[in-house]
Amino acid sequence: MFWNDGSWGWGAWMFMVLCIVAAIGLIAWFGALALKSASSPSADSRAQPDAESVLAARFARGEIDEAEFRTRRSVLRGDRTDSAETPTPP
């Protein structure tokens, strides 16, 4: 189109160069963002299960019986008192 007669001024050329640099910068920024999100573990994978859910899973797999499950769960919840503090009957 207007390549040879010089009807485009310096402003138009500078605008085109700035647009190309901005487009390349955006592509690089999105690429870096994608690489960063792919390389870092998500918040869900870093979360550790709480003790009560681990205990429930062990009970579900049959590693512990119901009495041990209830005893350990009450200890975790703070329901059980120490045997040294429990008064003995007369």
PDB file of N, CA and C in Angstrom:
ATOM      1  N   MET A   1       0.833  -1.174   0.000  1.00  0.00           N
ATOM      2  CA  MET A   1       0.000   0.000   0.000  1.00  0.00           C
ATOM      3  C   MET A   1       0.883   1.244   0.000  1.00  0.00           C
ATOM      4  N   PHE A   2       1.106   1.866   1.096  1.00  0.00           N
ATOM      5  CA  PHE A   2       1.870   3.110   1.156  1.00  0.00           C
ATOM      6  C   PHE A   2       3.314   2.848   1.539  1.00  0.00           C
ATOM      7  N   TRP A   3       3.942   1.876   0.949  1.00  0.00           N
ATOM      8  CA  TRP A   3       5.296   1.510   1.367  1.00  0.00           C
ATOM      9  C   TRP A   3       6.356   2.439   0.773  1.00  0.00           C
ATOM     10  N   ASN A   4       6.212   2.813  -0.441  1.00  0.00           N
ATOM     11  CA  ASN A   4       7.298   3.505  -1.119  1.00  0.00           C
ATOM     12  C   ASN A   4       7.143   5.016  -1.200  1.00  0.00           C
ATOM     13  N   ASP A   5       5.945   5.538  -1.102  1.00  0.00           N
ATOM     14  CA  ASP A   5       5.798   6.975  -1.300  1.00  0.00           C
ATOM     15  C   ASP A   5       5.984   7.772  -0.010  1.00  0.00           C
ATOM     16  N   GLY A   6       6.184   7.099   1.139  1.00  0.00           N
ATOM     17  CA  GLY A   6       6.493   7.791   2.386  1.00  0.00           C
ATOM     18  C   GLY A   6       5.321   8.529   2.992  1.00  0.00           C
ATOM     19  N   SER A   7       4.096   8.124   2.681  1.00  0.00           N
ATOM     20  CA  SER A   7       2.947   8.825   3.239  1.00  0.00           C
ATOM     21  C   SER A   7       2.703   8.478   4.710  1.00  0.00           C
ATOM     22  N   TRP A   8       3.343   7.424   5.182  1.00  0.00           N
ATOM     23  CA  TRP A   8       3.271   7.128   6.614  1.00  0.00           C
ATOM     24  C   TRP A   8       4.359   7.929   7.286  1.00  0.00           C
ATOM     25  N   GLY A   9       4.015   8.619   8.330  1.00  0.00           N
ATOM     26  CA  GLY A   9       5.002   9.402   9.044  1.00  0.00           C
ATOM     27  C   GLY A   9       5.696   8.567  10.113  1.00  0.00           C
ATOM     28  N   TRP A  10       6.613   9.197  10.829  1.00  0.00           N
ATOM     29  CA  TRP A  10       7.344   8.500  11.883  1.00  0.00           C
ATOM     30  C   TRP A  10       6.419   8.066  13.012  1.00  0.00           C
ATOM     31  N   GLY A  11       5.387   8.817  13.244  1.00  0.00           N
ATOM     32  CA  GLY A  11       4.441   8.466  14.311  1.00  0.00           C
ATOM     33  C   GLY A  11       3.761   7.130  14.070  1.00  0.00           C
ATOM     34  N   ALA A  12       3.367   6.878  12.840  1.00  0.00           N
ATOM     35  CA  ALA A  12       2.713   5.613  12.513  1.00  0.00           C
ATOM     36  C   ALA A  12       3.676   4.443  12.665  1.00  0.00           C
ATOM     37  N   TRP A  13       4.930   4.613  12.239  1.00  0.00           N
ATOM     38  CA  TRP A  13       5.934   3.555  12.384  1.00  0.00           C
ATOM     39  C   TRP A  13       6.223   3.284  13.858  1.00  0.00           C
ATOM     40  N   MET A  14       6.328   4.325  14.653  1.00  0.00           N
ATOM     41  CA  MET A  14       6.588   4.148  16.086  1.00  0.00           C
ATOM     42  C   MET A  14       5.413   3.454  16.773  1.00  0.00           C
ATOM     43  N   PHE A  15       4.201   3.808  16.357  1.00  0.00           N
ATOM     44  CA  PHE A  15       3.023   3.161  16.911  1.00  0.00           C
ATOM     45  C   PHE A  15       3.015   1.675  16.592  1.00  0.00           C
ATOM     46  N   MET A  16       3.361   1.303  15.374  1.00  0.00           N
ATOM     47  CA  MET A  16       3.410  -0.107  14.998  1.00  0.00           C
ATOM     48  C   MET A  16       4.481  -0.853  15.791  1.00  0.00           C
ATOM     49  N   VAL A  17       5.641  -0.241  15.954  1.00  0.00           N
ATOM     50  CA  VAL A  17       6.720  -0.886  16.708  1.00  0.00           C
ATOM     51  C   VAL A  17       6.302  -1.074  18.156  1.00  0.00           C
ATOM     52  N   LEU A  18       5.687  -0.062  18.755  1.00  0.00           N
ATOM     53  CA  LEU A  18       5.235  -0.175  20.147  1.00  0.00           C
ATOM     54  C   LEU A  18       4.158  -1.251  20.301  1.00  0.00           C
ATOM     55  N   CYS A  19       3.267  -1.357  19.334  1.00  0.00           N
ATOM     56  CA  CYS A  19       2.237  -2.403  19.400  1.00  0.00           C
ATOM     57  C   CYS A  19       2.844  -3.796  19.303  1.00  0.00           C
ATOM     58  N   ILE A  20       3.820  -3.967  18.450  1.00  0.00           N
ATOM     59  CA  ILE A  20       4.477  -5.265  18.310  1.00  0.00           C
ATOM     60  C   ILE A  20       5.238  -5.617  19.582  1.00  0.00           C
ATOM     61  N   VAL A  21       5.959  -4.637  20.150  1.00  0.00           N
ATOM     62  CA  VAL A  21       6.688  -4.883  21.400  1.00  0.00           C
ATOM     63  C   VAL A  21       5.710  -5.217  22.521  1.00  0.00           C
ATOM     64  N   ALA A  22       4.583  -4.515  22.593  1.00  0.00           N
ATOM     65  CA  ALA A  22       3.579  -4.803  23.618  1.00  0.00           C
ATOM     66  C   ALA A  22       2.986  -6.198  23.433  1.00  0.00           C
ATOM     67  N   ALA A  23       2.734  -6.603  22.191  1.00  0.00           N
ATOM     68  CA  ALA A  23       2.181  -7.935  21.934  1.00  0.00           C
ATOM     69  C   ALA A  23       3.177  -9.020  22.329  1.00  0.00           C
ATOM     70  N   ILE A  24       4.442  -8.832  21.986  1.00  0.00           N
ATOM     71  CA  ILE A  24       5.467  -9.811  22.377  1.00  0.00           C
ATOM     72  C   ILE A  24       5.604  -9.860  23.898  1.00  0.00           C
ATOM     73  N   GLY A  25       5.536  -8.698  24.538  1.00  0.00           N
ATOM     74  CA  GLY A  25       5.600  -8.654  26.003  1.00  0.00           C
ATOM     75  C   GLY A  25       4.443  -9.376  26.656  1.00  0.00           C
ATOM     76  N   LEU A  26       3.233  -9.209  26.127  1.00  0.00           N
ATOM     77  CA  LEU A  26       2.068  -9.913  26.670  1.00  0.00           C
ATOM     78  C   LEU A  26       2.185 -11.419  26.485  1.00  0.00           C
ATOM     79  N   ILE A  27       2.652 -11.832  25.329  1.00  0.00           N
ATOM     80  CA  ILE A  27       2.833 -13.265  25.082  1.00  0.00           C
ATOM     81  C   ILE A  27       3.863 -13.845  26.044  1.00  0.00           C
ATOM     82  N   ALA A  28       4.965 -13.123  26.264  1.00  0.00           N
ATOM     83  CA  ALA A  28       5.992 -13.593  27.202  1.00  0.00           C
ATOM     84  C   ALA A  28       5.457 -13.620  28.622  1.00  0.00           C
ATOM     85  N   TRP A  29       4.666 -12.614  28.997  1.00  0.00           N
ATOM     86  CA  TRP A  29       4.113 -12.560  30.360  1.00  0.00           C
ATOM     87  C   TRP A  29       3.149 -13.725  30.597  1.00  0.00           C
ATOM     88  N   PHE A  30       2.262 -13.997  29.645  1.00  0.00           N
ATOM     89  CA  PHE A  30       1.332 -15.119  29.789  1.00  0.00           C
ATOM     90  C   PHE A  30       2.078 -16.453  29.804  1.00  0.00           C
ATOM     91  N   GLY A  31       3.130 -16.560  29.002  1.00  0.00           N
ATOM     92  CA  GLY A  31       3.930 -17.785  29.019  1.00  0.00           C
ATOM     93  C   GLY A  31       4.607 -17.997  30.362  1.00  0.00           C
ATOM     94  N   ALA A  32       5.175 -16.928  30.933  1.00  0.00           N
ATOM     95  CA  ALA A  32       5.809 -17.047  32.249  1.00  0.00           C
ATOM     96  C   ALA A  32       4.786 -17.383  33.322  1.00  0.00           C
ATOM     97  N   LEU A  33       3.612 -16.795  33.225  1.00  0.00           N
ATOM     98  CA  LEU A  33       2.546 -17.082  34.178  1.00  0.00           C
ATOM     99  C   LEU A  33       2.103 -18.540  34.090  1.00  0.00           C
ATOM    100  N   ALA A  34       2.008 -19.060  32.874  1.00  0.00           N
ATOM    101  CA  ALA A  34       1.625 -20.464  32.689  1.00  0.00           C
ATOM    102  C   ALA A  34       2.690 -21.403  33.234  1.00  0.00           C
ATOM    103  N   LEU A  35       3.959 -21.088  32.997  1.00  0.00           N
ATOM    104  CA  LEU A  35       5.037 -21.929  33.529  1.00  0.00           C
ATOM    105  C   LEU A  35       5.079 -21.897  35.046  1.00  0.00           C
ATOM    106  N   LYS A  36       4.845 -20.739  35.620  1.00  0.00           N
ATOM    107  CA  LYS A  36       4.863 -20.619  37.078  1.00  0.00           C
ATOM    108  C   LYS A  36       3.728 -21.410  37.708  1.00  0.00           C
ATOM    109  N   SER A  37       2.537 -21.322  37.138  1.00  0.00           N
ATOM    110  CA  SER A  37       1.406 -22.048  37.708  1.00  0.00           C
ATOM    111  C   SER A  37       1.545 -23.555  37.502  1.00  0.00           C
ATOM    112  N   ALA A  38       2.201 -23.970  36.429  1.00  0.00           N
ATOM    113  CA  ALA A  38       2.386 -25.399  36.182  1.00  0.00           C
ATOM    114  C   ALA A  38       3.454 -25.991  37.090  1.00  0.00           C
ATOM    115  N   SER A  39       4.442 -25.190  37.469  1.00  0.00           N
ATOM    116  CA  SER A  39       5.540 -25.726  38.269  1.00  0.00           C
ATOM    117  C   SER A  39       5.268 -25.685  39.768  1.00  0.00           C
ATOM    118  N   SER A  40       4.407 -24.788  40.226  1.00  0.00           N
ATOM    119  CA  SER A  40       4.143 -24.705  41.664  1.00  0.00           C
ATOM    120  C   SER A  40       2.962 -25.598  42.021  1.00  0.00           C
ATOM    121  N   PRO A  41       3.062 -26.288  43.152  1.00  0.00           N
ATOM    122  CA  PRO A  41       1.948 -27.149  43.557  1.00  0.00           C
ATOM    123  C   PRO A  41       0.757 -26.302  43.985  1.00  0.00           C
ATOM    124  N   SER A  42      -0.415 -26.841  43.771  1.00  0.00           N
ATOM    125  CA  SER A  42      -1.616 -26.111  44.149  1.00  0.00           C
ATOM    126  C   SER A  42      -1.816 -26.173  45.651  1.00  0.00           C
ATOM    127  N   ALA A  43      -2.705 -25.337  46.151  1.00  0.00           N
ATOM    128  CA  ALA A  43      -2.966 -25.273  47.581  1.00  0.00           C
ATOM    129  C   ALA A  43      -3.581 -26.569  48.089  1.00  0.00           C
ATOM    130  N   ASP A  44      -4.382 -27.249  47.249  1.00  0.00           N
ATOM    131  CA  ASP A  44      -5.015 -28.489  47.670  1.00  0.00           C
ATOM    132  C   ASP A  44      -4.007 -29.611  47.863  1.00  0.00           C
ATOM    133  N   SER A  45      -2.976 -29.650  47.042  1.00  0.00           N
ATOM    134  CA  SER A  45      -2.005 -30.728  47.168  1.00  0.00           C
ATOM    135  C   SER A  45      -1.076 -30.517  48.359  1.00  0.00           C
ATOM    136  N   ARG A  46      -0.942 -29.280  48.831  1.00  0.00           N
ATOM    137  CA  ARG A  46      -0.091 -29.015  49.986  1.00  0.00           C
ATOM    138  C   ARG A  46      -0.826 -29.214  51.301  1.00  0.00           C
ATOM    139  N   ALA A  47      -2.135 -29.271  51.275  1.00  0.00           N
ATOM    140  CA  ALA A  47      -2.916 -29.386  52.500  1.00  0.00           C
ATOM    141  C   ALA A  47      -2.724 -30.773  53.115  1.00  0.00           C
ATOM    142  N   GLN A  48      -2.453 -30.794  54.386  1.00  0.00           N
ATOM    143  CA  GLN A  48      -2.294 -32.048  55.111  1.00  0.00           C
ATOM    144  C   GLN A  48      -3.629 -32.431  55.728  1.00  0.00           C
ATOM    145  N   PRO A  49      -3.976 -33.711  55.705  1.00  0.00           N
ATOM    146  CA  PRO A  49      -5.232 -34.121  56.337  1.00  0.00           C
ATOM    147  C   PRO A  49      -5.120 -33.991  57.854  1.00  0.00           C
ATOM    148  N   ASP A  50      -6.235 -33.675  58.490  1.00  0.00           N
ATOM    149  CA  ASP A  50      -6.203 -33.556  59.940  1.00  0.00           C
ATOM    150  C   ASP A  50      -6.182 -34.942  60.572  1.00  0.00           C
ATOM    151  N   ALA A  51      -5.857 -34.980  61.845  1.00  0.00           N
ATOM    152  CA  ALA A  51      -5.649 -36.250  62.541  1.00  0.00           C
ATOM    153  C   ALA A  51      -6.919 -37.090  62.591  1.00  0.00           C
ATOM    154  N   GLU A  52      -8.058 -36.426  62.728  1.00  0.00           N
ATOM    155  CA  GLU A  52      -9.306 -37.177  62.841  1.00  0.00           C
ATOM    156  C   GLU A  52      -9.673 -37.861  61.515  1.00  0.00           C
ATOM    157  N   SER A  53      -9.382 -37.215  60.384  1.00  0.00           N
ATOM    158  CA  SER A  53      -9.677 -37.859  59.107  1.00  0.00           C
ATOM    159  C   SER A  53      -8.717 -39.023  58.840  1.00  0.00           C
ATOM    160  N   VAL A  54      -7.465 -38.907  59.301  1.00  0.00           N
ATOM    161  CA  VAL A  54      -6.522 -40.020  59.173  1.00  0.00           C
ATOM    162  C   VAL A  54      -6.999 -41.195  60.027  1.00  0.00           C
ATOM    163  N   LEU A  55      -7.482 -40.884  61.227  1.00  0.00           N
ATOM    164  CA  LEU A  55      -7.998 -41.925  62.113  1.00  0.00           C
ATOM    165  C   LEU A  55      -9.220 -42.602  61.493  1.00  0.00           C
ATOM    166  N   ALA A  56     -10.111 -41.810  60.898  1.00  0.00           N
ATOM    167  CA  ALA A  56     -11.299 -42.377  60.253  1.00  0.00           C
ATOM    168  C   ALA A  56     -10.905 -43.250  59.061  1.00  0.00           C
ATOM    169  N   ALA A  57      -9.883 -42.844  58.328  1.00  0.00           N
ATOM    170  CA  ALA A  57      -9.429 -43.653  57.198  1.00  0.00           C
ATOM    171  C   ALA A  57      -8.835 -44.972  57.677  1.00  0.00           C
ATOM    172  N   ARG A  58      -8.079 -44.940  58.764  1.00  0.00           N
ATOM    173  CA  ARG A  58      -7.518 -46.187  59.310  1.00  0.00           C
ATOM    174  C   ARG A  58      -8.632 -47.118  59.775  1.00  0.00           C
ATOM    175  N   PHE A  59      -9.682 -46.553  60.375  1.00  0.00           N
ATOM    176  CA  PHE A  59     -10.819 -47.363  60.814  1.00  0.00           C
ATOM    177  C   PHE A  59     -11.540 -47.956  59.599  1.00  0.00           C
ATOM    178  N   ALA A  60     -11.694 -47.151  58.548  1.00  0.00           N
ATOM    179  CA  ALA A  60     -12.379 -47.633  57.352  1.00  0.00           C
ATOM    180  C   ALA A  60     -11.595 -48.743  56.660  1.00  0.00           C
ATOM    181  N   ARG A  61     -10.273 -48.685  56.717  1.00  0.00           N
ATOM    182  CA  ARG A  61      -9.447 -49.735  56.106  1.00  0.00           C
ATOM    183  C   ARG A  61      -9.363 -50.986  56.980  1.00  0.00           C
ATOM    184  N   GLY A  62      -9.845 -50.896  58.202  1.00  0.00           N
ATOM    185  CA  GLY A  62      -9.816 -52.052  59.093  1.00  0.00           C
ATOM    186  C   GLY A  62      -8.527 -52.197  59.877  1.00  0.00           C
ATOM    187  N   GLU A  63      -7.711 -51.162  59.918  1.00  0.00           N
ATOM    188  CA  GLU A  63      -6.450 -51.232  60.670  1.00  0.00           C
ATOM    189  C   GLU A  63      -6.673 -51.183  62.170  1.00  0.00           C
ATOM    190  N   ILE A  64      -7.737 -50.512  62.597  1.00  0.00           N
ATOM    191  CA  ILE A  64      -8.064 -50.442  64.026  1.00  0.00           C
ATOM    192  C   ILE A  64      -9.521 -50.829  64.200  1.00  0.00           C
ATOM    193  N   ASP A  65      -9.858 -51.312  65.388  1.00  0.00           N
ATOM    194  CA  ASP A  65     -11.241 -51.700  65.639  1.00  0.00           C
ATOM    195  C   ASP A  65     -12.031 -50.502  66.174  1.00  0.00           C
ATOM    196  N   GLU A  66     -13.332 -50.722  66.408  1.00  0.00           N
ATOM    197  CA  GLU A  66     -14.207 -49.621  66.794  1.00  0.00           C
ATOM    198  C   GLU A  66     -13.853 -49.061  68.163  1.00  0.00           C
ATOM    199  N   ALA A  67     -13.499 -49.908  69.098  1.00  0.00           N
ATOM    200  CA  ALA A  67     -13.163 -49.434  70.440  1.00  0.00           C
ATOM    201  C   ALA A  67     -11.922 -48.534  70.401  1.00  0.00           C
ATOM    202  N   GLU A  68     -10.915 -48.965  69.655  1.00  0.00           N
ATOM    203  CA  GLU A  68      -9.707 -48.148  69.561  1.00  0.00           C
ATOM    204  C   GLU A  68      -9.993 -46.842  68.813  1.00  0.00           C
ATOM    205  N   PHE A  69     -10.854 -46.918  67.792  1.00  0.00           N
ATOM    206  CA  PHE A  69     -11.226 -45.709  67.058  1.00  0.00           C
ATOM    207  C   PHE A  69     -11.901 -44.706  67.973  1.00  0.00           C
ATOM    208  N   ARG A  70     -12.867 -45.186  68.753  1.00  0.00           N
ATOM    209  CA  ARG A  70     -13.595 -44.275  69.655  1.00  0.00           C
ATOM    210  C   ARG A  70     -12.675 -43.704  70.735  1.00  0.00           C
ATOM    211  N   THR A  71     -11.776 -44.535  71.259  1.00  0.00           N
ATOM    212  CA  THR A  71     -10.843 -44.064  72.283  1.00  0.00           C
ATOM    213  C   THR A  71      -9.917 -42.996  71.725  1.00  0.00           C
ATOM    214  N   ARG A  72      -9.331 -43.264  70.593  1.00  0.00           N
ATOM    215  CA  ARG A  72      -8.402 -42.297  69.985  1.00  0.00           C
ATOM    216  C   ARG A  72      -9.113 -41.018  69.549  1.00  0.00           C
ATOM    217  N   ARG A  73     -10.336 -41.157  69.044  1.00  0.00           N
ATOM    218  CA  ARG A  73     -11.082 -39.963  68.642  1.00  0.00           C
ATOM    219  C   ARG A  73     -11.430 -39.099  69.845  1.00  0.00           C
ATOM    220  N   SER A  74     -11.787 -39.728  70.953  1.00  0.00           N
ATOM    221  CA  SER A  74     -12.094 -38.935  72.147  1.00  0.00           C
ATOM    222  C   SER A  74     -10.843 -38.242  72.685  1.00  0.00           C
ATOM    223  N   VAL A  75      -9.677 -38.885  72.558  1.00  0.00           N
ATOM    224  CA  VAL A  75      -8.427 -38.245  72.962  1.00  0.00           C
ATOM    225  C   VAL A  75      -8.136 -37.047  72.058  1.00  0.00           C
ATOM    226  N   LEU A  76      -8.340 -37.220  70.768  1.00  0.00           N
ATOM    227  CA  LEU A  76      -8.097 -36.114  69.835  1.00  0.00           C
ATOM    228  C   LEU A  76      -9.024 -34.941  70.096  1.00  0.00           C
ATOM    229  N   ARG A  77     -10.250 -35.241  70.454  1.00  0.00           N
ATOM    230  CA  ARG A  77     -11.213 -34.177  70.722  1.00  0.00           C
ATOM    231  C   ARG A  77     -11.060 -33.588  72.114  1.00  0.00           C
ATOM    232  N   GLY A  78     -10.266 -34.211  72.951  1.00  0.00           N
ATOM    233  CA  GLY A  78     -10.053 -33.717  74.313  1.00  0.00           C
ATOM    234  C   GLY A  78     -11.142 -34.115  75.277  1.00  0.00           C
ATOM    235  N   ASP A  79     -11.941 -35.136  74.933  1.00  0.00           N
ATOM    236  CA  ASP A  79     -13.039 -35.577  75.786  1.00  0.00           C
ATOM    237  C   ASP A  79     -12.565 -36.469  76.931  1.00  0.00           C
ATOM    238  N   ARG A  80     -11.459 -37.139  76.731  1.00  0.00           N
ATOM    239  CA  ARG A  80     -10.999 -38.130  77.695  1.00  0.00           C
ATOM    240  C   ARG A  80     -10.069 -37.484  78.699  1.00  0.00           C
ATOM    241  N   THR A  81     -10.250 -37.796  79.974  1.00  0.00           N
ATOM    242  CA  THR A  81      -9.360 -37.297  81.011  1.00  0.00           C
ATOM    243  C   THR A  81      -8.271 -38.323  81.264  1.00  0.00           C
ATOM    244  N   ASP A  82      -7.184 -37.876  81.819  1.00  0.00           N
ATOM    245  CA  ASP A  82      -6.064 -38.759  82.113  1.00  0.00           C
ATOM    246  C   ASP A  82      -6.470 -39.732  83.214  1.00  0.00           C
ATOM    247  N   SER A  83      -5.976 -40.954  83.149  1.00  0.00           N
ATOM    248  CA  SER A  83      -6.368 -41.983  84.123  1.00  0.00           C
ATOM    249  C   SER A  83      -5.848 -41.656  85.521  1.00  0.00           C
ATOM    250  N   ALA A  84      -4.792 -40.855  85.627  1.00  0.00           N
ATOM    251  CA  ALA A  84      -4.270 -40.496  86.953  1.00  0.00           C
ATOM    252  C   ALA A  84      -5.207 -39.513  87.639  1.00  0.00           C
ATOM    253  N   GLU A  85      -5.992 -38.745  86.884  1.00  0.00           N
ATOM    254  CA  GLU A  85      -6.900 -37.784  87.475  1.00  0.00           C
ATOM    255  C   GLU A  85      -8.263 -38.399  87.788  1.00  0.00           C
ATOM    256  N   THR A  86      -8.529 -39.567  87.255  1.00  0.00           N
ATOM    257  CA  THR A  86      -9.812 -40.200  87.466  1.00  0.00           C
ATOM    258  C   THR A  86      -9.870 -40.797  88.880  1.00  0.00           C
ATOM    259  N   PRO A  87     -10.852 -40.388  89.667  1.00  0.00           N
ATOM    260  CA  PRO A  87     -10.930 -40.935  91.028  1.00  0.00           C
ATOM    261  C   PRO A  87     -11.312 -42.414  91.006  1.00  0.00           C
ATOM    262  N   THR A  88     -10.711 -43.162  91.897  1.00  0.00           N
ATOM    263  CA  THR A  88     -11.031 -44.584  91.999  1.00  0.00           C
ATOM    264  C   THR A  88     -12.191 -44.760  92.972  1.00  0.00           C
ATOM    265  N   PRO A  89     -13.055 -45.695  92.672  1.00  0.00           N
ATOM    266  CA  PRO A  89     -14.213 -45.890  93.589  1.00  0.00           C
ATOM    267  C   PRO A  89     -13.733 -46.512  94.895  1.00  0.00           C
ATOM    268  N   PRO A  90     -14.410 -46.171  96.014  1.00  0.00           N
ATOM    269  CA  PRO A  90     -14.007 -46.709  97.338  1.00  0.00           C
ATOM    270  C   PRO A  90     -14.291 -48.167  97.526  1.00  0.00           C
TER     271      PRO A  90
END
